[in-house]
PDB file of N, CA and C in Angstrom:
ATOM      1  N   MET A   1     -12.752 -10.141  -8.638  1.00  0.00           N
ATOM      2  CA  MET A   1     -11.660  -9.052  -8.654  1.00  0.00           C
ATOM      3  C   MET A   1     -10.193  -8.810  -8.524  1.00  0.00           C
ATOM      4  N   PHE A   2     -10.447  -8.696  -7.755  1.00  0.00           N
ATOM      5  CA  PHE A   2      -8.737  -8.532  -6.542  1.00  0.00           C
ATOM      6  C   PHE A   2      -7.687  -9.679  -7.560  1.00  0.00           C
ATOM      7  N   GLY A   3      -7.836 -10.936  -7.689  1.00  0.00           N
ATOM      8  CA  GLY A   3      -7.476 -11.478  -8.476  1.00  0.00           C
ATOM      9  C   GLY A   3      -6.585 -10.878  -9.766  1.00  0.00           C
ATOM     10  N   ARG A   4      -7.234 -10.522 -10.650  1.00  0.00           N
ATOM     11  CA  ARG A   4      -7.001  -9.714 -11.660  1.00  0.00           C
ATOM     12  C   ARG A   4      -6.463  -8.425 -11.687  1.00  0.00           C
ATOM     13  N   LEU A   5      -6.220  -7.631 -10.869  1.00  0.00           N
ATOM     14  CA  LEU A   5      -5.632  -6.411 -10.236  1.00  0.00           C
ATOM     15  C   LEU A   5      -3.824  -6.746  -9.926  1.00  0.00           C
ATOM     16  N   ARG A   6      -4.310  -8.486  -9.002  1.00  0.00           N
ATOM     17  CA  ARG A   6      -2.771  -8.283  -8.989  1.00  0.00           C
ATOM     18  C   ARG A   6      -1.906  -8.182  -9.943  1.00  0.00           C
ATOM     19  N   THR A   7      -2.794  -9.456 -11.386  1.00  0.00           N
ATOM     20  CA  THR A   7      -1.717  -8.654 -12.672  1.00  0.00           C
ATOM     21  C   THR A   7      -1.703  -7.610 -12.632  1.00  0.00           C
ATOM     22  N   PHE A   8      -1.727  -6.632 -13.135  1.00  0.00           N
ATOM     23  CA  PHE A   8      -2.448  -5.047 -13.299  1.00  0.00           C
ATOM     24  C   PHE A   8      -0.634  -4.545 -12.335  1.00  0.00           C
ATOM     25  N   LEU A   9      -0.920  -5.016 -10.876  1.00  0.00           N
ATOM     26  CA  LEU A   9      -0.659  -3.907 -10.102  1.00  0.00           C
ATOM     27  C   LEU A   9       1.013  -4.781  -9.782  1.00  0.00           C
ATOM     28  N   PRO A  10       1.715  -3.444  -9.938  1.00  0.00           N
ATOM     29  CA  PRO A  10       3.568  -4.164  -9.271  1.00  0.00           C
ATOM     30  C   PRO A  10       3.478  -4.600  -8.482  1.00  0.00           C
ATOM     31  N   PHE A  11       2.577  -5.700  -7.682  1.00  0.00           N
ATOM     32  CA  PHE A  11       2.809  -5.927  -5.843  1.00  0.00           C
ATOM     33  C   PHE A  11       4.026  -7.062  -6.150  1.00  0.00           C
ATOM     34  N   PRO A  12       5.194  -6.637  -5.234  1.00  0.00           N
ATOM     35  CA  PRO A  12       6.892  -7.681  -5.285  1.00  0.00           C
ATOM     36  C   PRO A  12       5.786  -9.152  -4.480  1.00  0.00           C
ATOM     37  N   ALA A  13       6.265 -10.480  -5.281  1.00  0.00           N
ATOM     38  CA  ALA A  13       6.175 -11.143  -4.851  1.00  0.00           C
ATOM     39  C   ALA A  13       6.444 -12.001  -2.755  1.00  0.00           C
ATOM     40  N   ARG A  14       5.243 -12.238  -2.319  1.00  0.00           N
ATOM     41  CA  ARG A  14       5.560 -12.856  -0.679  1.00  0.00           C
ATOM     42  C   ARG A  14       5.932 -13.807  -0.088  1.00  0.00           C
ATOM     43  N   ALA A  15       6.436 -13.825   0.766  1.00  0.00           N
ATOM     44  CA  ALA A  15       7.115 -15.265   1.325  1.00  0.00           C
ATOM     45  C   ALA A  15       5.552 -16.137   1.575  1.00  0.00           C
ATOM     46  N   PRO A  16       5.896 -17.418   1.570  1.00  0.00           N
ATOM     47  CA  PRO A  16       4.468 -17.795   2.811  1.00  0.00           C
ATOM     48  C   PRO A  16       4.879 -17.854   4.273  1.00  0.00           C
ATOM     49  N   ARG A  17       3.506 -17.469   5.047  1.00  0.00           N
ATOM     50  CA  ARG A  17       3.459 -17.224   5.892  1.00  0.00           C
ATOM     51  C   ARG A  17       2.874 -17.928   6.288  1.00  0.00           C
ATOM     52  N   SER A  18       3.965 -19.036   8.008  1.00  0.00           N
ATOM     53  CA  SER A  18       3.636 -20.331   8.695  1.00  0.00           C
ATOM     54  C   SER A  18       2.210 -19.727   9.421  1.00  0.00           C
ATOM     55  N   ALA A  19       2.099 -21.096   9.676  1.00  0.00           N
ATOM     56  CA  ALA A  19       0.509 -21.708  10.459  1.00  0.00           C
ATOM     57  C   ALA A  19       0.814 -21.058  11.821  1.00  0.00           C
ATOM     58  N   GLY A  20       1.599 -21.459  11.951  1.00  0.00           N
ATOM     59  CA  GLY A  20       1.247 -21.704  14.107  1.00  0.00           C
ATOM     60  C   GLY A  20       1.617 -19.226  14.712  1.00  0.00           C
ATOM     61  N   SER A  21       1.421 -18.427  13.581  1.00  0.00           N
ATOM     62  CA  SER A  21       2.333 -17.328  14.063  1.00  0.00           C
ATOM     63  C   SER A  21       0.995 -16.195  13.379  1.00  0.00           C
ATOM     64  N   PRO A  22       0.036 -15.380  13.981  1.00  0.00           N
ATOM     65  CA  PRO A  22      -0.313 -14.470  13.106  1.00  0.00           C
ATOM     66  C   PRO A  22       0.390 -13.569  12.069  1.00  0.00           C
ATOM     67  N   GLY A  23       1.288 -13.132  12.434  1.00  0.00           N
ATOM     68  CA  GLY A  23       2.517 -12.697  11.783  1.00  0.00           C
ATOM     69  C   GLY A  23       2.911 -13.084  10.962  1.00  0.00           C
ATOM     70  N   GLY A  24       3.166 -14.351  10.810  1.00  0.00           N
ATOM     71  CA  GLY A  24       3.928 -15.169   9.900  1.00  0.00           C
ATOM     72  C   GLY A  24       5.097 -15.648  10.338  1.00  0.00           C
ATOM     73  N   GLY A  25       4.756 -16.443  10.042  1.00  0.00           N
ATOM     74  CA  GLY A  25       6.920 -16.736  10.312  1.00  0.00           C
ATOM     75  C   GLY A  25       6.870 -16.512  12.511  1.00  0.00           C
ATOM     76  N   SER A  26       8.293 -17.269  12.847  1.00  0.00           N
ATOM     77  CA  SER A  26       8.014 -17.203  13.864  1.00  0.00           C
ATOM     78  C   SER A  26       8.897 -16.252  15.321  1.00  0.00           C
ATOM     79  N   GLY A  27       9.541 -15.220  14.282  1.00  0.00           N
ATOM     80  CA  GLY A  27       9.416 -13.802  15.505  1.00  0.00           C
ATOM     81  C   GLY A  27      10.494 -13.261  14.998  1.00  0.00           C
ATOM     82  N   ASP A  28      11.204 -12.451  15.562  1.00  0.00           N
ATOM     83  CA  ASP A  28      12.358 -11.804  14.762  1.00  0.00           C
ATOM     84  C   ASP A  28      13.256 -11.914  14.980  1.00  0.00           C
ATOM     85  N   ALA A  29      13.977 -11.889  14.728  1.00  0.00           N
ATOM     86  CA  ALA A  29      16.041 -12.310  14.944  1.00  0.00           C
ATOM     87  C   ALA A  29      16.480 -12.609  16.527  1.00  0.00           C
ATOM     88  N   ASN A  30      15.744 -12.133  17.032  1.00  0.00           N
ATOM     89  CA  ASN A  30      15.292 -12.009  19.421  1.00  0.00           C
ATOM     90  C   ASN A  30      15.288 -13.580  19.349  1.00  0.00           C
ATOM     91  N   GLY A  31      14.213 -13.366  19.041  1.00  0.00           N
ATOM     92  CA  GLY A  31      12.794 -14.923  19.556  1.00  0.00           C
ATOM     93  C   GLY A  31      11.926 -14.297  19.543  1.00  0.00           C
ATOM     94  N   ALA A  32      11.093 -13.111  19.735  1.00  0.00           N
ATOM     95  CA  ALA A  32      10.071 -12.421  19.992  1.00  0.00           C
ATOM     96  C   ALA A  32       9.476 -11.579  18.859  1.00  0.00           C
ATOM     97  N   PRO A  33       7.932 -12.394  19.482  1.00  0.00           N
ATOM     98  CA  PRO A  33       7.086 -12.842  18.720  1.00  0.00           C
ATOM     99  C   PRO A  33       7.109 -10.829  17.046  1.00  0.00           C
ATOM    100  N   ARG A  34       6.359 -11.455  16.302  1.00  0.00           N
ATOM    101  CA  ARG A  34       6.553 -10.181  15.438  1.00  0.00           C
ATOM    102  C   ARG A  34       4.816  -9.004  14.975  1.00  0.00           C
ATOM    103  N   ARG A  35       5.148  -7.916  15.390  1.00  0.00           N
ATOM    104  CA  ARG A  35       4.136  -7.235  15.844  1.00  0.00           C
ATOM    105  C   ARG A  35       3.301  -7.080  13.950  1.00  0.00           C
ATOM    106  N   GLN A  36       1.875  -8.060  14.645  1.00  0.00           N
ATOM    107  CA  GLN A  36       1.193  -7.501  13.325  1.00  0.00           C
ATOM    108  C   GLN A  36       0.882  -5.743  12.957  1.00  0.00           C
ATOM    109  N   HIS A  37       0.612  -6.301  11.573  1.00  0.00           N
ATOM    110  CA  HIS A  37       0.247  -4.628  10.667  1.00  0.00           C
ATOM    111  C   HIS A  37      -0.588  -4.978  10.135  1.00  0.00           C
ATOM    112  N   ASN A  38      -1.076  -3.120  10.644  1.00  0.00           N
ATOM    113  CA  ASN A  38      -3.348  -3.535   9.647  1.00  0.00           C
ATOM    114  C   ASN A  38      -2.607  -3.046   8.507  1.00  0.00           C
ATOM    115  N   ILE A  39      -3.142  -2.648   7.513  1.00  0.00           N
ATOM    116  CA  ILE A  39      -4.285  -2.498   5.996  1.00  0.00           C
ATOM    117  C   ILE A  39      -3.617  -0.972   5.832  1.00  0.00           C
ATOM    118  N   PHE A  40      -4.111   0.831   7.383  1.00  0.00           N
ATOM    119  CA  PHE A  40      -3.443   1.420   6.441  1.00  0.00           C
ATOM    120  C   PHE A  40      -2.177   1.557   6.726  1.00  0.00           C
ATOM    121  N   GLU A  41      -1.882   0.737   7.961  1.00  0.00           N
ATOM    122  CA  GLU A  41       0.181   1.269   8.122  1.00  0.00           C
ATOM    123  C   GLU A  41       0.876   0.404   6.798  1.00  0.00           C
ATOM    124  N   ALA A  42       0.727  -0.830   6.090  1.00  0.00           N
ATOM    125  CA  ALA A  42       1.283  -0.735   5.113  1.00  0.00           C
ATOM    126  C   ALA A  42       1.064  -0.194   3.376  1.00  0.00           C
ATOM    127  N   ALA A  43      -0.056  -0.215   3.425  1.00  0.00           N
ATOM    128  CA  ALA A  43      -0.266   0.719   2.058  1.00  0.00           C
ATOM    129  C   ALA A  43       0.410   2.234   2.779  1.00  0.00           C
ATOM    130  N   ALA A  44       0.890   3.309   4.290  1.00  0.00           N
ATOM    131  CA  ALA A  44       1.079   4.678   3.955  1.00  0.00           C
ATOM    132  C   ALA A  44       2.389   3.856   3.529  1.00  0.00           C
ATOM    133  N   THR A  45       2.858   3.045   4.304  1.00  0.00           N
ATOM    134  CA  THR A  45       5.076   2.280   4.299  1.00  0.00           C
ATOM    135  C   THR A  45       5.024   2.057   2.810  1.00  0.00           C
ATOM    136  N   TYR A  46       4.386   1.611   2.417  1.00  0.00           N
ATOM    137  CA  TYR A  46       4.365   0.781   0.664  1.00  0.00           C
ATOM    138  C   TYR A  46       3.881   2.298   0.064  1.00  0.00           C
ATOM    139  N   VAL A  47       3.157   2.923   0.117  1.00  0.00           N
ATOM    140  CA  VAL A  47       3.503   4.095  -0.889  1.00  0.00           C
ATOM    141  C   VAL A  47       4.508   4.810  -0.429  1.00  0.00           C
ATOM    142  N   ALA A  48       5.168   5.314   0.263  1.00  0.00           N
ATOM    143  CA  ALA A  48       5.845   5.848   0.781  1.00  0.00           C
ATOM    144  C   ALA A  48       6.731   5.782   0.371  1.00  0.00           C
ATOM    145  N   ALA A  49       7.371   4.274   0.484  1.00  0.00           N
ATOM    146  CA  ALA A  49       8.735   3.423  -0.267  1.00  0.00           C
ATOM    147  C   ALA A  49       8.642   3.300  -1.571  1.00  0.00           C
ATOM    148  N   CYS A  50       7.575   3.364  -1.781  1.00  0.00           N
ATOM    149  CA  CYS A  50       7.233   3.813  -4.026  1.00  0.00           C
ATOM    150  C   CYS A  50       7.390   5.242  -3.905  1.00  0.00           C
ATOM    151  N   ALA A  51       7.339   6.449  -3.566  1.00  0.00           N
ATOM    152  CA  ALA A  51       7.924   7.343  -3.915  1.00  0.00           C
ATOM    153  C   ALA A  51       9.034   7.977  -3.455  1.00  0.00           C
ATOM    154  N   ASP A  52      10.239   6.655  -2.762  1.00  0.00           N
ATOM    155  CA  ASP A  52      11.389   6.783  -2.021  1.00  0.00           C
ATOM    156  C   ASP A  52      11.798   6.233  -2.509  1.00  0.00           C
ATOM    157  N   ASP A  53      11.670   4.928  -3.583  1.00  0.00           N
ATOM    158  CA  ASP A  53      12.255   4.103  -4.526  1.00  0.00           C
ATOM    159  C   ASP A  53      13.142   3.208  -3.886  1.00  0.00           C
ATOM    160  N   ASP A  54      12.530   3.060  -2.928  1.00  0.00           N
ATOM    161  CA  ASP A  54      13.305   2.065  -2.123  1.00  0.00           C
ATOM    162  C   ASP A  54      12.031   0.852  -2.012  1.00  0.00           C
ATOM    163  N   GLU A  55      13.004  -0.335  -3.168  1.00  0.00           N
ATOM    164  CA  GLU A  55      12.251  -1.609  -3.201  1.00  0.00           C
ATOM    165  C   GLU A  55      12.328  -2.192  -2.167  1.00  0.00           C
ATOM    166  N   ASP A  56      13.510  -2.552  -1.357  1.00  0.00           N
ATOM    167  CA  ASP A  56      12.910  -3.329   0.344  1.00  0.00           C
ATOM    168  C   ASP A  56      12.018  -2.910   1.338  1.00  0.00           C
ATOM    169  N   THR A  57      11.817  -1.816   1.540  1.00  0.00           N
ATOM    170  CA  THR A  57      10.981  -1.206   2.105  1.00  0.00           C
ATOM    171  C   THR A  57       9.719  -1.932   1.193  1.00  0.00           C
ATOM    172  N   MET A  58       9.229  -1.584   0.205  1.00  0.00           N
ATOM    173  CA  MET A  58       8.629  -1.797  -0.722  1.00  0.00           C
ATOM    174  C   MET A  58       7.823  -3.659  -0.664  1.00  0.00           C
ATOM    175  N   GLU A  59       8.779  -4.788  -1.028  1.00  0.00           N
ATOM    176  CA  GLU A  59       8.478  -6.219  -0.552  1.00  0.00           C
ATOM    177  C   GLU A  59       8.177  -6.144   1.400  1.00  0.00           C
ATOM    178  N   GLU A  60       8.808  -4.795   1.787  1.00  0.00           N
ATOM    179  CA  GLU A  60       8.570  -5.465   3.897  1.00  0.00           C
ATOM    180  C   GLU A  60       7.146  -5.257   3.282  1.00  0.00           C
ATOM    181  N   ALA A  61       6.651  -4.079   2.722  1.00  0.00           N
ATOM    182  CA  ALA A  61       5.186  -2.956   3.418  1.00  0.00           C
ATOM    183  C   ALA A  61       4.279  -4.462   2.616  1.00  0.00           C
ATOM    184  N   ALA A  62       4.412  -5.554   1.643  1.00  0.00           N
ATOM    185  CA  ALA A  62       3.626  -6.134   0.964  1.00  0.00           C
ATOM    186  C   ALA A  62       4.077  -7.307   1.648  1.00  0.00           C
ATOM    187  N   GLY A  63       4.914  -7.716   2.212  1.00  0.00           N
ATOM    188  CA  GLY A  63       4.358  -9.303   3.349  1.00  0.00           C
ATOM    189  C   GLY A  63       3.712  -8.784   4.334  1.00  0.00           C
ATOM    190  N   TRP A  64       3.533  -7.382   4.312  1.00  0.00           N
ATOM    191  CA  TRP A  64       2.323  -7.650   5.689  1.00  0.00           C
ATOM    192  C   TRP A  64       0.799  -7.196   6.135  1.00  0.00           C
ATOM    193  N   VAL A  65       0.485  -7.948   5.052  1.00  0.00           N
ATOM    194  CA  VAL A  65      -1.281  -7.779   4.271  1.00  0.00           C
ATOM    195  C   VAL A  65      -0.953  -8.740   3.534  1.00  0.00           C
ATOM    196  N   SER A  66      -2.263  -9.072   2.711  1.00  0.00           N
ATOM    197  CA  SER A  66      -2.530 -10.042   1.511  1.00  0.00           C
ATOM    198  C   SER A  66      -2.663  -8.195   0.473  1.00  0.00           C
ATOM    199  N   PRO A  67      -2.339  -9.760  -0.247  1.00  0.00           N
ATOM    200  CA  PRO A  67      -2.408  -7.635  -1.262  1.00  0.00           C
ATOM    201  C   PRO A  67      -3.524  -7.256  -1.833  1.00  0.00           C
ATOM    202  N   GLU A  68      -5.118  -7.986  -1.916  1.00  0.00           N
ATOM    203  CA  GLU A  68      -6.075  -7.938  -1.521  1.00  0.00           C
ATOM    204  C   GLU A  68      -6.308  -5.856  -0.616  1.00  0.00           C
ATOM    205  N   ALA A  69      -5.514  -6.536   0.646  1.00  0.00           N
ATOM    206  CA  ALA A  69      -5.873  -5.483   1.626  1.00  0.00           C
ATOM    207  C   ALA A  69      -4.935  -4.219   1.317  1.00  0.00           C
ATOM    208  N   LEU A  70      -3.260  -4.865   0.939  1.00  0.00           N
ATOM    209  CA  LEU A  70      -2.755  -3.470   0.002  1.00  0.00           C
ATOM    210  C   LEU A  70      -3.198  -3.207  -0.031  1.00  0.00           C
ATOM    211  N   SER A  71      -3.822  -3.261  -1.966  1.00  0.00           N
ATOM    212  CA  SER A  71      -4.339  -3.344  -2.643  1.00  0.00           C
ATOM    213  C   SER A  71      -5.856  -2.129  -2.005  1.00  0.00           C
ATOM    214  N   PHE A  72      -6.275  -2.441  -0.885  1.00  0.00           N
ATOM    215  CA  PHE A  72      -7.504  -1.314  -0.784  1.00  0.00           C
ATOM    216  C   PHE A  72      -6.855   0.017   0.279  1.00  0.00           C
ATOM    217  N   GLY A  73      -6.071  -0.451   1.094  1.00  0.00           N
ATOM    218  CA  GLY A  73      -5.319   0.311   1.241  1.00  0.00           C
ATOM    219  C   GLY A  73      -4.527   1.193   1.308  1.00  0.00           C
ATOM    220  N   VAL A  74      -4.157   1.055  -0.351  1.00  0.00           N
ATOM    221  CA  VAL A  74      -3.529   1.994  -1.572  1.00  0.00           C
ATOM    222  C   VAL A  74      -4.396   3.003  -1.914  1.00  0.00           C
ATOM    223  N   GLN A  75      -5.963   2.032  -2.410  1.00  0.00           N
ATOM    224  CA  GLN A  75      -6.409   2.958  -2.881  1.00  0.00           C
ATOM    225  C   GLN A  75      -7.389   3.893  -1.755  1.00  0.00           C
ATOM    226  N   GLU A  76      -7.676   4.011  -0.742  1.00  0.00           N
ATOM    227  CA  GLU A  76      -7.915   4.346   0.663  1.00  0.00           C
ATOM    228  C   GLU A  76      -7.203   5.199   0.848  1.00  0.00           C
ATOM    229  N   LEU A  77      -5.968   5.195   0.640  1.00  0.00           N
ATOM    230  CA  LEU A  77      -4.916   6.368   0.855  1.00  0.00           C
ATOM    231  C   LEU A  77      -5.062   7.674   0.203  1.00  0.00           C
ATOM    232  N   ALA A  78      -5.280   6.535  -1.330  1.00  0.00           N
ATOM    233  CA  ALA A  78      -5.099   7.587  -2.692  1.00  0.00           C
ATOM    234  C   ALA A  78      -6.393   8.630  -2.789  1.00  0.00           C
ATOM    235  N   CYS A  79      -7.411   8.524  -2.627  1.00  0.00           N
ATOM    236  CA  CYS A  79      -8.573   8.832  -2.721  1.00  0.00           C
ATOM    237  C   CYS A  79      -8.999   9.891  -1.439  1.00  0.00           C
ATOM    238  N   ARG A  80      -7.694   9.915   0.073  1.00  0.00           N
ATOM    239  CA  ARG A  80      -7.920  10.841   0.749  1.00  0.00           C
ATOM    240  C   ARG A  80      -6.869  11.457   0.612  1.00  0.00           C
ATOM    241  N   ALA A  81      -5.737  11.262  -0.475  1.00  0.00           N
ATOM    242  CA  ALA A  81      -4.632  12.018  -0.711  1.00  0.00           C
ATOM    243  C   ALA A  81      -5.790  13.317  -1.614  1.00  0.00           C
ATOM    244  N   VAL A  82      -6.120  12.713  -2.554  1.00  0.00           N
ATOM    245  CA  VAL A  82      -7.025  13.718  -3.356  1.00  0.00           C
ATOM    246  C   VAL A  82      -7.811  14.521  -2.515  1.00  0.00           C
ATOM    247  N   ILE A  83      -8.483  13.693  -2.166  1.00  0.00           N
ATOM    248  CA  ILE A  83      -9.752  14.967  -1.608  1.00  0.00           C
ATOM    249  C   ILE A  83      -8.595  16.116  -0.873  1.00  0.00           C
ATOM    250  N   ALA A  84      -7.686  15.734   0.182  1.00  0.00           N
ATOM    251  CA  ALA A  84      -7.623  16.492   1.131  1.00  0.00           C
ATOM    252  C   ALA A  84      -6.065  17.403   0.168  1.00  0.00           C
ATOM    253  N   LEU A  85      -5.637  17.748  -0.608  1.00  0.00           N
ATOM    254  CA  LEU A  85      -5.230  17.964  -1.813  1.00  0.00           C
ATOM    255  C   LEU A  85      -6.475  19.230  -2.551  1.00  0.00           C
ATOM    256  N   ALA A  86      -7.286  18.146  -2.925  1.00  0.00           N
ATOM    257  CA  ALA A  86      -8.746  19.316  -3.437  1.00  0.00           C
ATOM    258  C   ALA A  86      -8.808  20.556  -2.377  1.00  0.00           C
ATOM    259  N   ARG A  87      -9.525  19.909  -1.513  1.00  0.00           N
ATOM    260  CA  ARG A  87      -9.831  20.919  -0.240  1.00  0.00           C
ATOM    261  C   ARG A  87      -8.165  21.954  -0.231  1.00  0.00           C
ATOM    262  N   GLU A  88      -7.103  21.621   0.308  1.00  0.00           N
ATOM    263  CA  GLU A  88      -5.767  22.630  -0.204  1.00  0.00           C
ATOM    264  C   GLU A  88      -6.011  23.363  -0.853  1.00  0.00           C
ATOM    265  N   ARG A  89      -6.184  22.548  -2.548  1.00  0.00           N
ATOM    266  CA  ARG A  89      -6.215  23.373  -3.622  1.00  0.00           C
ATOM    267  C   ARG A  89      -7.143  24.437  -4.060  1.00  0.00           C
ATOM    268  N   ASP A  90      -8.538  24.751  -3.279  1.00  0.00           N
ATOM    269  CA  ASP A  90     -10.242  24.473  -3.759  1.00  0.00           C
ATOM    270  C   ASP A  90     -10.321  24.019  -5.034  1.00  0.00           C
ATOM    271  N   GLU A  91      -9.667  22.860  -5.070  1.00  0.00           N
ATOM    272  CA  GLU A  91     -10.306  22.610  -6.329  1.00  0.00           C
ATOM    273  C   GLU A  91     -10.572  21.285  -6.738  1.00  0.00           C
ATOM    274  N   SER A  92     -11.870  20.617  -8.022  1.00  0.00           N
ATOM    275  CA  SER A  92     -12.145  19.443  -7.452  1.00  0.00           C
ATOM    276  C   SER A  92     -11.488  18.415  -7.854  1.00  0.00           C
ATOM    277  N   PRO A  93     -12.062  17.362  -6.788  1.00  0.00           N
ATOM    278  CA  PRO A  93     -10.931  15.742  -6.453  1.00  0.00           C
ATOM    279  C   PRO A  93     -10.587  15.408  -8.238  1.00  0.00           C
ATOM    280  N   GLU A  94     -11.494  15.823  -9.118  1.00  0.00           N
ATOM    281  CA  GLU A  94     -10.875  15.315 -10.645  1.00  0.00           C
ATOM    282  C   GLU A  94     -10.050  15.980 -11.099  1.00  0.00           C
ATOM    283  N   ALA A  95     -10.014  17.267 -10.973  1.00  0.00           N
ATOM    284  CA  ALA A  95      -9.259  18.097 -11.282  1.00  0.00           C
ATOM    285  C   ALA A  95      -7.748  17.893 -10.553  1.00  0.00           C
ATOM    286  N   VAL A  96      -7.980  17.625  -9.548  1.00  0.00           N
ATOM    287  CA  VAL A  96      -5.916  17.311  -8.849  1.00  0.00           C
ATOM    288  C   VAL A  96      -5.937  15.590  -8.589  1.00  0.00           C
ATOM    289  N   ALA A  97      -7.098  14.832  -9.000  1.00  0.00           N
ATOM    290  CA  ALA A  97      -6.165  13.951  -9.710  1.00  0.00           C
ATOM    291  C   ALA A  97      -5.772  13.976 -10.978  1.00  0.00           C
ATOM    292  N   ARG A  98      -6.770  14.390 -12.483  1.00  0.00           N
ATOM    293  CA  ARG A  98      -5.889  14.134 -13.694  1.00  0.00           C
ATOM    294  C   ARG A  98      -4.544  15.267 -13.313  1.00  0.00           C
ATOM    295  N   GLY A  99      -4.580  16.228 -12.584  1.00  0.00           N
ATOM    296  CA  GLY A  99      -3.113  17.047 -12.479  1.00  0.00           C
ATOM    297  C   GLY A  99      -2.793  15.730 -12.478  1.00  0.00           C
ATOM    298  N   LEU A 100      -2.357  15.007 -10.725  1.00  0.00           N
ATOM    299  CA  LEU A 100      -1.287  14.098 -10.122  1.00  0.00           C
ATOM    300  C   LEU A 100      -0.400  13.214 -11.531  1.00  0.00           C
ATOM    301  N   LEU A 101      -1.517  13.226 -12.730  1.00  0.00           N
ATOM    302  CA  LEU A 101      -1.180  12.088 -13.160  1.00  0.00           C
ATOM    303  C   LEU A 101      -0.567  12.484 -14.426  1.00  0.00           C
ATOM    304  N   GLY A 102      -1.212  13.819 -15.113  1.00  0.00           N
ATOM    305  CA  GLY A 102      -0.186  14.175 -16.211  1.00  0.00           C
ATOM    306  C   GLY A 102      -1.048  14.492 -17.182  1.00  0.00           C
ATOM    307  N   LEU A 103      -2.271  14.494 -16.633  1.00  0.00           N
ATOM    308  CA  LEU A 103      -3.713  14.110 -18.003  1.00  0.00           C
ATOM    309  C   LEU A 103      -4.493  16.035 -18.210  1.00  0.00           C
ATOM    310  N   PRO A 104      -5.090  15.983 -19.167  1.00  0.00           N
ATOM    311  CA  PRO A 104      -5.628  17.749 -19.987  1.00  0.00           C
ATOM    312  C   PRO A 104      -7.154  17.836 -18.814  1.00  0.00           C
ATOM    313  N   PRO A 105      -7.202  18.764 -18.131  1.00  0.00           N
ATOM    314  CA  PRO A 105      -8.462  18.585 -17.701  1.00  0.00           C
ATOM    315  C   PRO A 105      -9.832  18.053 -18.348  1.00  0.00           C
ATOM    316  N   ALA A 106     -10.399  17.738 -18.104  1.00  0.00           N
ATOM    317  CA  ALA A 106     -11.503  17.395 -17.673  1.00  0.00           C
ATOM    318  C   ALA A 106     -12.457  17.881 -18.531  1.00  0.00           C
TER     319      ALA A 106
END
């Protein structure tokens, strides 16, 4: 299922990871080990970068986790955002989601 999502979603290409390090690669410019990022941190950074049209940060965040993990994180973020907006607006999640996408009410 996730393999098909990659063809539909605009995830940037990732550089291959090195086998020796869990963060991928040997470390930062100073030789310190890279910090490992979690799914939700990657999703939050990726979505915020999309909103700001910051392609460099989008690429960086997409490299922190697998495309499948990023897709899951983005989906979870979208669900939580729609639920929060629905509660704030006292509307149904469906009405909020359709409104955000510019769709007519169902």
